[in-house]
């Protein structure tokens, strides 16, 4: 995920307090741990590139500023067994 509000966004401040989270996708409940990838890491760049590739084609405004300045948030999900 990218947080446009950077570290001041409520979602990021909440994740800094409690990294454990649950996500529901359709009928699947997944647990995971949120973390902030190191700035300028390969993972950070990958998140930014993939989100821009996904959303820019269907968005009327330029998202390159969002790609550069947003804070990347990664959720490591625990796979169901």
PDB file of N, CA and C in Angstrom:
ATOM      1  N   UNK A   1       0.842  -1.163   0.000  1.00  0.00           N
ATOM      2  CA  UNK A   1       0.000   0.000   0.000  1.00  0.00           C
ATOM      3  C   UNK A   1       0.894   1.234   0.000  1.00  0.00           C
ATOM      4  N   UNK A   2       0.333   2.339  -0.477  1.00  0.00           N
ATOM      5  CA  UNK A   2       1.001   3.630  -0.354  1.00  0.00           C
ATOM      6  C   UNK A   2       0.097   4.548   0.447  1.00  0.00           C
ATOM      7  N   UNK A   3       0.673   5.221   1.414  1.00  0.00           N
ATOM      8  CA  UNK A   3      -0.062   6.174   2.229  1.00  0.00           C
ATOM      9  C   UNK A   3       0.280   7.580   1.765  1.00  0.00           C
ATOM     10  N   UNK A   4      -0.687   8.261   1.171  1.00  0.00           N
ATOM     11  CA  UNK A   4      -0.471   9.624   0.691  1.00  0.00           C
ATOM     12  C   UNK A   4      -0.203  10.604   1.813  1.00  0.00           C
ATOM     13  N   UNK A   5      -0.674  10.299   3.017  1.00  0.00           N
ATOM     14  CA  UNK A   5      -0.458  11.178   4.156  1.00  0.00           C
ATOM     15  C   UNK A   5       0.854  10.910   4.864  1.00  0.00           C
ATOM     16  N   UNK A   6       1.674  10.045   4.278  1.00  0.00           N
ATOM     17  CA  UNK A   6       2.970   9.673   4.832  1.00  0.00           C
ATOM     18  C   UNK A   6       2.821   9.196   6.278  1.00  0.00           C
ATOM     19  N   UNK A   7       3.768   9.517   7.125  1.00  0.00           N
ATOM     20  CA  UNK A   7       3.746   9.017   8.500  1.00  0.00           C
ATOM     21  C   UNK A   7       2.687   9.701   9.359  1.00  0.00           C
ATOM     22  N   UNK A   8       2.081  10.770   8.856  1.00  0.00           N
ATOM     23  CA  UNK A   8       1.037  11.463   9.615  1.00  0.00           C
ATOM     24  C   UNK A   8      -0.342  10.845   9.401  1.00  0.00           C
ATOM     25  N   UNK A   9      -0.495   9.982   8.432  1.00  0.00           N
ATOM     26  CA  UNK A   9      -1.782   9.349   8.157  1.00  0.00           C
ATOM     27  C   UNK A   9      -2.199   8.486   9.337  1.00  0.00           C
ATOM     28  N   UNK A  10      -3.482   8.505   9.647  1.00  0.00           N
ATOM     29  CA  UNK A  10      -3.995   7.722  10.777  1.00  0.00           C
ATOM     30  C   UNK A  10      -3.673   6.239  10.623  1.00  0.00           C
ATOM     31  N   UNK A  11      -3.822   5.712   9.405  1.00  0.00           N
ATOM     32  CA  UNK A  11      -3.563   4.284   9.207  1.00  0.00           C
ATOM     33  C   UNK A  11      -2.115   3.944   9.517  1.00  0.00           C
ATOM     34  N   UNK A  12      -1.181   4.807   9.162  1.00  0.00           N
ATOM     35  CA  UNK A  12       0.232   4.551   9.435  1.00  0.00           C
ATOM     36  C   UNK A  12       0.512   4.686  10.922  1.00  0.00           C
ATOM     37  N   UNK A  13      -0.038   5.696  11.560  1.00  0.00           N
ATOM     38  CA  UNK A  13       0.172   5.865  13.003  1.00  0.00           C
ATOM     39  C   UNK A  13      -0.404   4.677  13.766  1.00  0.00           C
ATOM     40  N   UNK A  14      -1.552   4.177  13.339  1.00  0.00           N
ATOM     41  CA  UNK A  14      -2.131   2.986  13.969  1.00  0.00           C
ATOM     42  C   UNK A  14      -1.224   1.776  13.787  1.00  0.00           C
ATOM     43  N   UNK A  15      -0.680   1.598  12.587  1.00  0.00           N
ATOM     44  CA  UNK A  15       0.191   0.454  12.313  1.00  0.00           C
ATOM     45  C   UNK A  15       1.509   0.546  13.073  1.00  0.00           C
ATOM     46  N   UNK A  16       1.969   1.743  13.364  1.00  0.00           N
ATOM     47  CA  UNK A  16       3.197   1.891  14.145  1.00  0.00           C
ATOM     48  C   UNK A  16       2.959   1.490  15.597  1.00  0.00           C
ATOM     49  N   UNK A  17       1.729   1.632  16.071  1.00  0.00           N
ATOM     50  CA  UNK A  17       1.383   1.234  17.436  1.00  0.00           C
ATOM     51  C   UNK A  17       1.121  -0.256  17.536  1.00  0.00           C
ATOM     52  N   UNK A  18       0.388  -0.794  16.563  1.00  0.00           N
ATOM     53  CA  UNK A  18       0.011  -2.208  16.554  1.00  0.00           C
ATOM     54  C   UNK A  18       0.215  -2.740  15.148  1.00  0.00           C
ATOM     55  N   UNK A  19       1.251  -3.509  14.961  1.00  0.00           N
ATOM     56  CA  UNK A  19       1.574  -4.003  13.620  1.00  0.00           C
ATOM     57  C   UNK A  19       0.724  -5.197  13.194  1.00  0.00           C
ATOM     58  N   UNK A  20       0.146  -5.904  14.169  1.00  0.00           N
ATOM     59  CA  UNK A  20      -0.697  -7.055  13.829  1.00  0.00           C
ATOM     60  C   UNK A  20      -1.993  -6.560  13.196  1.00  0.00           C
ATOM     61  N   UNK A  21      -2.415  -7.256  12.154  1.00  0.00           N
ATOM     62  CA  UNK A  21      -3.664  -6.866  11.508  1.00  0.00           C
ATOM     63  C   UNK A  21      -4.333  -8.068  10.866  1.00  0.00           C
ATOM     64  N   UNK A  22      -5.619  -7.916  10.618  1.00  0.00           N
ATOM     65  CA  UNK A  22      -6.417  -8.921   9.917  1.00  0.00           C
ATOM     66  C   UNK A  22      -7.001  -8.287   8.673  1.00  0.00           C
ATOM     67  N   UNK A  23      -7.017  -9.048   7.599  1.00  0.00           N
ATOM     68  CA  UNK A  23      -7.572  -8.593   6.328  1.00  0.00           C
ATOM     69  C   UNK A  23      -8.573  -9.630   5.860  1.00  0.00           C
ATOM     70  N   UNK A  24      -9.729  -9.165   5.403  1.00  0.00           N
ATOM     71  CA  UNK A  24     -10.713 -10.078   4.842  1.00  0.00           C
ATOM     72  C   UNK A  24     -10.826  -9.820   3.346  1.00  0.00           C
ATOM     73  N   UNK A  25     -10.646 -10.874   2.570  1.00  0.00           N
ATOM     74  CA  UNK A  25     -10.807 -10.829   1.126  1.00  0.00           C
ATOM     75  C   UNK A  25     -11.858 -11.875   0.780  1.00  0.00           C
ATOM     76  N   UNK A  26     -13.036 -11.389   0.358  1.00  0.00           N
ATOM     77  CA  UNK A  26     -14.196 -12.252   0.121  1.00  0.00           C
ATOM     78  C   UNK A  26     -14.475 -13.050   1.397  1.00  0.00           C
ATOM     79  N   UNK A  27     -14.385 -14.366   1.333  1.00  0.00           N
ATOM     80  CA  UNK A  27     -14.675 -15.200   2.506  1.00  0.00           C
ATOM     81  C   UNK A  27     -13.416 -15.615   3.267  1.00  0.00           C
ATOM     82  N   UNK A  28     -12.289 -15.040   2.925  1.00  0.00           N
ATOM     83  CA  UNK A  28     -11.021 -15.433   3.539  1.00  0.00           C
ATOM     84  C   UNK A  28     -10.562 -14.379   4.539  1.00  0.00           C
ATOM     85  N   UNK A  29     -10.262 -14.820   5.745  1.00  0.00           N
ATOM     86  CA  UNK A  29      -9.717 -13.967   6.789  1.00  0.00           C
ATOM     87  C   UNK A  29      -8.222 -14.262   6.894  1.00  0.00           C
ATOM     88  N   UNK A  30      -7.386 -13.262   6.707  1.00  0.00           N
ATOM     89  CA  UNK A  30      -5.939 -13.437   6.758  1.00  0.00           C
ATOM     90  C   UNK A  30      -5.351 -12.571   7.864  1.00  0.00           C
ATOM     91  N   UNK A  31      -4.338 -13.080   8.524  1.00  0.00           N
ATOM     92  CA  UNK A  31      -3.621 -12.329   9.542  1.00  0.00           C
ATOM     93  C   UNK A  31      -2.264 -11.942   8.987  1.00  0.00           C
ATOM     94  N   UNK A  32      -1.725 -10.852   9.501  1.00  0.00           N
ATOM     95  CA  UNK A  32      -0.414 -10.428   9.030  1.00  0.00           C
ATOM     96  C   UNK A  32       0.204  -9.386   9.930  1.00  0.00           C
ATOM     97  N   UNK A  33       1.396  -8.985   9.536  1.00  0.00           N
ATOM     98  CA  UNK A  33       2.158  -7.964  10.246  1.00  0.00           C
ATOM     99  C   UNK A  33       2.507  -6.850   9.256  1.00  0.00           C
ATOM    100  N   UNK A  34       2.182  -5.620   9.632  1.00  0.00           N
ATOM    101  CA  UNK A  34       2.516  -4.472   8.788  1.00  0.00           C
ATOM    102  C   UNK A  34       3.919  -3.994   9.112  1.00  0.00           C
ATOM    103  N   UNK A  35       4.576  -3.450   8.102  1.00  0.00           N
ATOM    104  CA  UNK A  35       5.903  -2.872   8.304  1.00  0.00           C
ATOM    105  C   UNK A  35       6.151  -1.835   7.224  1.00  0.00           C
ATOM    106  N   UNK A  36       7.093  -0.968   7.494  1.00  0.00           N
ATOM    107  CA  UNK A  36       7.491   0.054   6.540  1.00  0.00           C
ATOM    108  C   UNK A  36       8.812  -0.378   5.911  1.00  0.00           C
ATOM    109  N   UNK A  37       8.831  -0.674   4.603  1.00  0.00           N
ATOM    110  CA  UNK A  37      10.087  -1.071   3.982  1.00  0.00           C
ATOM    111  C   UNK A  37      11.075   0.097   4.022  1.00  0.00           C
ATOM    112  N   UNK A  38      12.341  -0.220   4.052  1.00  0.00           N
ATOM    113  CA  UNK A  38      13.368   0.817   4.073  1.00  0.00           C
ATOM    114  C   UNK A  38      13.232   1.709   2.845  1.00  0.00           C
ATOM    115  N   UNK A  39      13.270   3.016   3.076  1.00  0.00           N
ATOM    116  CA  UNK A  39      13.188   3.968   1.965  1.00  0.00           C
ATOM    117  C   UNK A  39      14.322   3.693   0.992  1.00  0.00           C
ATOM    118  N   UNK A  40      14.033   3.856  -0.272  1.00  0.00           N
ATOM    119  CA  UNK A  40      15.021   3.656  -1.347  1.00  0.00           C
ATOM    120  C   UNK A  40      15.498   2.214  -1.479  1.00  0.00           C
ATOM    121  N   UNK A  41      14.790   1.253  -0.873  1.00  0.00           N
ATOM    122  CA  UNK A  41      15.141  -0.156  -1.054  1.00  0.00           C
ATOM    123  C   UNK A  41      14.496  -0.674  -2.336  1.00  0.00           C
ATOM    124  N   UNK A  42      14.923  -1.836  -2.784  1.00  0.00           N
ATOM    125  CA  UNK A  42      14.309  -2.457  -3.962  1.00  0.00           C
ATOM    126  C   UNK A  42      12.833  -2.731  -3.712  1.00  0.00           C
ATOM    127  N   UNK A  43      12.493  -3.162  -2.497  1.00  0.00           N
ATOM    128  CA  UNK A  43      11.098  -3.451  -2.162  1.00  0.00           C
ATOM    129  C   UNK A  43      10.257  -2.178  -2.228  1.00  0.00           C
ATOM    130  N   UNK A  44      10.756  -1.088  -1.684  1.00  0.00           N
ATOM    131  CA  UNK A  44      10.053   0.190  -1.710  1.00  0.00           C
ATOM    132  C   UNK A  44       9.806   0.621  -3.158  1.00  0.00           C
ATOM    133  N   UNK A  45      10.826   0.541  -3.994  1.00  0.00           N
ATOM    134  CA  UNK A  45      10.697   0.922  -5.405  1.00  0.00           C
ATOM    135  C   UNK A  45       9.701   0.034  -6.130  1.00  0.00           C
ATOM    136  N   UNK A  46       9.702  -1.256  -5.819  1.00  0.00           N
ATOM    137  CA  UNK A  46       8.786  -2.197  -6.452  1.00  0.00           C
ATOM    138  C   UNK A  46       7.331  -1.879  -6.108  1.00  0.00           C
ATOM    139  N   UNK A  47       7.078  -1.582  -4.839  1.00  0.00           N
ATOM    140  CA  UNK A  47       5.714  -1.234  -4.418  1.00  0.00           C
ATOM    141  C   UNK A  47       5.241  -0.001  -5.172  1.00  0.00           C
ATOM    142  N   UNK A  48       6.061   1.006  -5.219  1.00  0.00           N
ATOM    143  CA  UNK A  48       5.703   2.257  -5.896  1.00  0.00           C
ATOM    144  C   UNK A  48       5.435   2.031  -7.385  1.00  0.00           C
ATOM    145  N   UNK A  49       6.310   1.306  -8.044  1.00  0.00           N
ATOM    146  CA  UNK A  49       6.164   1.061  -9.478  1.00  0.00           C
ATOM    147  C   UNK A  49       4.892   0.276  -9.782  1.00  0.00           C
ATOM    148  N   UNK A  50       4.653  -0.792  -9.010  1.00  0.00           N
ATOM    149  CA  UNK A  50       3.484  -1.637  -9.279  1.00  0.00           C
ATOM    150  C   UNK A  50       2.170  -0.903  -9.038  1.00  0.00           C
ATOM    151  N   UNK A  51       2.100  -0.102  -7.992  1.00  0.00           N
ATOM    152  CA  UNK A  51       0.863   0.644  -7.735  1.00  0.00           C
ATOM    153  C   UNK A  51       0.608   1.699  -8.799  1.00  0.00           C
ATOM    154  N   UNK A  52       1.666   2.365  -9.251  1.00  0.00           N
ATOM    155  CA  UNK A  52       1.498   3.345 -10.316  1.00  0.00           C
ATOM    156  C   UNK A  52       1.049   2.660 -11.608  1.00  0.00           C
ATOM    157  N   UNK A  53       1.656   1.518 -11.937  1.00  0.00           N
ATOM    158  CA  UNK A  53       1.265   0.777 -13.139  1.00  0.00           C
ATOM    159  C   UNK A  53      -0.189   0.336 -13.071  1.00  0.00           C
ATOM    160  N   UNK A  54      -0.652  -0.015 -11.881  1.00  0.00           N
ATOM    161  CA  UNK A  54      -2.039  -0.477 -11.728  1.00  0.00           C
ATOM    162  C   UNK A  54      -3.040   0.666 -11.846  1.00  0.00           C
ATOM    163  N   UNK A  55      -2.780   1.786 -11.172  1.00  0.00           N
ATOM    164  CA  UNK A  55      -3.795   2.829 -11.062  1.00  0.00           C
ATOM    165  C   UNK A  55      -3.688   3.956 -12.079  1.00  0.00           C
ATOM    166  N   UNK A  56      -2.493   4.249 -12.600  1.00  0.00           N
ATOM    167  CA  UNK A  56      -2.357   5.375 -13.524  1.00  0.00           C
ATOM    168  C   UNK A  56      -3.192   5.229 -14.794  1.00  0.00           C
ATOM    169  N   UNK A  57      -3.275   4.048 -15.415  1.00  0.00           N
ATOM    170  CA  UNK A  57      -4.041   3.955 -16.665  1.00  0.00           C
ATOM    171  C   UNK A  57      -5.514   4.338 -16.533  1.00  0.00           C
ATOM    172  N   UNK A  58      -6.117   4.129 -15.387  1.00  0.00           N
ATOM    173  CA  UNK A  58      -7.545   4.430 -15.242  1.00  0.00           C
ATOM    174  C   UNK A  58      -7.811   5.731 -14.480  1.00  0.00           C
ATOM    175  N   UNK A  59      -6.757   6.472 -14.148  1.00  0.00           N
ATOM    176  CA  UNK A  59      -6.896   7.697 -13.369  1.00  0.00           C
ATOM    177  C   UNK A  59      -6.608   8.884 -14.276  1.00  0.00           C
ATOM    178  N   UNK A  60      -7.423   9.917 -14.212  1.00  0.00           N
ATOM    179  CA  UNK A  60      -7.287  11.037 -15.145  1.00  0.00           C
ATOM    180  C   UNK A  60      -6.142  11.990 -14.804  1.00  0.00           C
ATOM    181  N   UNK A  61      -5.735  12.076 -13.550  1.00  0.00           N
ATOM    182  CA  UNK A  61      -4.633  12.960 -13.162  1.00  0.00           C
ATOM    183  C   UNK A  61      -3.307  12.205 -13.145  1.00  0.00           C
ATOM    184  N   UNK A  62      -2.222  12.951 -13.085  1.00  0.00           N
ATOM    185  CA  UNK A  62      -0.881  12.383 -13.019  1.00  0.00           C
ATOM    186  C   UNK A  62      -0.599  11.906 -11.593  1.00  0.00           C
ATOM    187  N   UNK A  63      -0.261  10.643 -11.426  1.00  0.00           N
ATOM    188  CA  UNK A  63       0.009  10.071 -10.106  1.00  0.00           C
ATOM    189  C   UNK A  63       1.500   9.981  -9.783  1.00  0.00           C
ATOM    190  N   UNK A  64       2.348  10.560 -10.605  1.00  0.00           N
ATOM    191  CA  UNK A  64       3.786  10.423 -10.368  1.00  0.00           C
ATOM    192  C   UNK A  64       4.217  11.092  -9.060  1.00  0.00           C
ATOM    193  N   UNK A  65       3.564  12.177  -8.649  1.00  0.00           N
ATOM    194  CA  UNK A  65       3.883  12.801  -7.366  1.00  0.00           C
ATOM    195  C   UNK A  65       3.523  11.886  -6.212  1.00  0.00           C
ATOM    196  N   UNK A  66       2.385  11.230  -6.315  1.00  0.00           N
ATOM    197  CA  UNK A  66       1.940  10.252  -5.307  1.00  0.00           C
ATOM    198  C   UNK A  66       2.952   9.108  -5.227  1.00  0.00           C
ATOM    199  N   UNK A  67       3.419   8.672  -6.377  1.00  0.00           N
ATOM    200  CA  UNK A  67       4.403   7.582  -6.406  1.00  0.00           C
ATOM    201  C   UNK A  67       5.695   7.989  -5.689  1.00  0.00           C
ATOM    202  N   UNK A  68       6.143   9.225  -5.895  1.00  0.00           N
ATOM    203  CA  UNK A  68       7.414   9.689  -5.320  1.00  0.00           C
ATOM    204  C   UNK A  68       7.331  10.005  -3.831  1.00  0.00           C
ATOM    205  N   UNK A  69       6.217  10.585  -3.368  1.00  0.00           N
ATOM    206  CA  UNK A  69       6.187  11.140  -2.013  1.00  0.00           C
ATOM    207  C   UNK A  69       5.415  10.317  -0.990  1.00  0.00           C
ATOM    208  N   UNK A  70       4.630   9.354  -1.417  1.00  0.00           N
ATOM    209  CA  UNK A  70       3.858   8.544  -0.477  1.00  0.00           C
ATOM    210  C   UNK A  70       4.754   7.594   0.300  1.00  0.00           C
ATOM    211  N   UNK A  71       4.245   7.140   1.414  1.00  0.00           N
ATOM    212  CA  UNK A  71       4.979   6.196   2.258  1.00  0.00           C
ATOM    213  C   UNK A  71       4.501   4.780   1.942  1.00  0.00           C
ATOM    214  N   UNK A  72       5.436   3.902   1.603  1.00  0.00           N
ATOM    215  CA  UNK A  72       5.093   2.507   1.313  1.00  0.00           C
ATOM    216  C   UNK A  72       4.855   1.757   2.618  1.00  0.00           C
ATOM    217  N   UNK A  73       3.784   0.959   2.643  1.00  0.00           N
ATOM    218  CA  UNK A  73       3.461   0.107   3.782  1.00  0.00           C
ATOM    219  C   UNK A  73       3.306  -1.306   3.244  1.00  0.00           C
ATOM    220  N   UNK A  74       4.025  -2.254   3.835  1.00  0.00           N
ATOM    221  CA  UNK A  74       3.972  -3.646   3.410  1.00  0.00           C
ATOM    222  C   UNK A  74       3.271  -4.463   4.490  1.00  0.00           C
ATOM    223  N   UNK A  75       2.444  -5.411   4.071  1.00  0.00           N
ATOM    224  CA  UNK A  75       1.795  -6.335   5.007  1.00  0.00           C
ATOM    225  C   UNK A  75       2.251  -7.737   4.657  1.00  0.00           C
ATOM    226  N   UNK A  76       2.948  -8.359   5.583  1.00  0.00           N
ATOM    227  CA  UNK A  76       3.390  -9.737   5.411  1.00  0.00           C
ATOM    228  C   UNK A  76       2.290 -10.637   5.942  1.00  0.00           C
ATOM    229  N   UNK A  77       1.597 -11.323   5.030  1.00  0.00           N
ATOM    230  CA  UNK A  77       0.465 -12.166   5.404  1.00  0.00           C
ATOM    231  C   UNK A  77       0.912 -13.568   5.792  1.00  0.00           C
ATOM    232  N   UNK A  78       0.224 -14.124   6.767  1.00  0.00           N
ATOM    233  CA  UNK A  78       0.435 -15.516   7.154  1.00  0.00           C
ATOM    234  C   UNK A  78      -0.487 -16.359   6.292  1.00  0.00           C
ATOM    235  N   UNK A  79       0.076 -17.293   5.553  1.00  0.00           N
ATOM    236  CA  UNK A  79      -0.702 -18.116   4.648  1.00  0.00           C
ATOM    237  C   UNK A  79      -1.550 -19.124   5.403  1.00  0.00           C
ATOM    238  N   UNK A  80      -2.754 -19.354   4.892  1.00  0.00           N
ATOM    239  CA  UNK A  80      -3.639 -20.348   5.497  1.00  0.00           C
ATOM    240  C   UNK A  80      -3.072 -21.731   5.236  1.00  0.00           C
ATOM    241  N   UNK A  81      -3.321 -22.633   6.160  1.00  0.00           N
ATOM    242  CA  UNK A  81      -2.875 -24.018   5.967  1.00  0.00           C
ATOM    243  C   UNK A  81      -4.038 -24.922   5.767  1.00  0.00           C
TER     244      UNK A  81
END
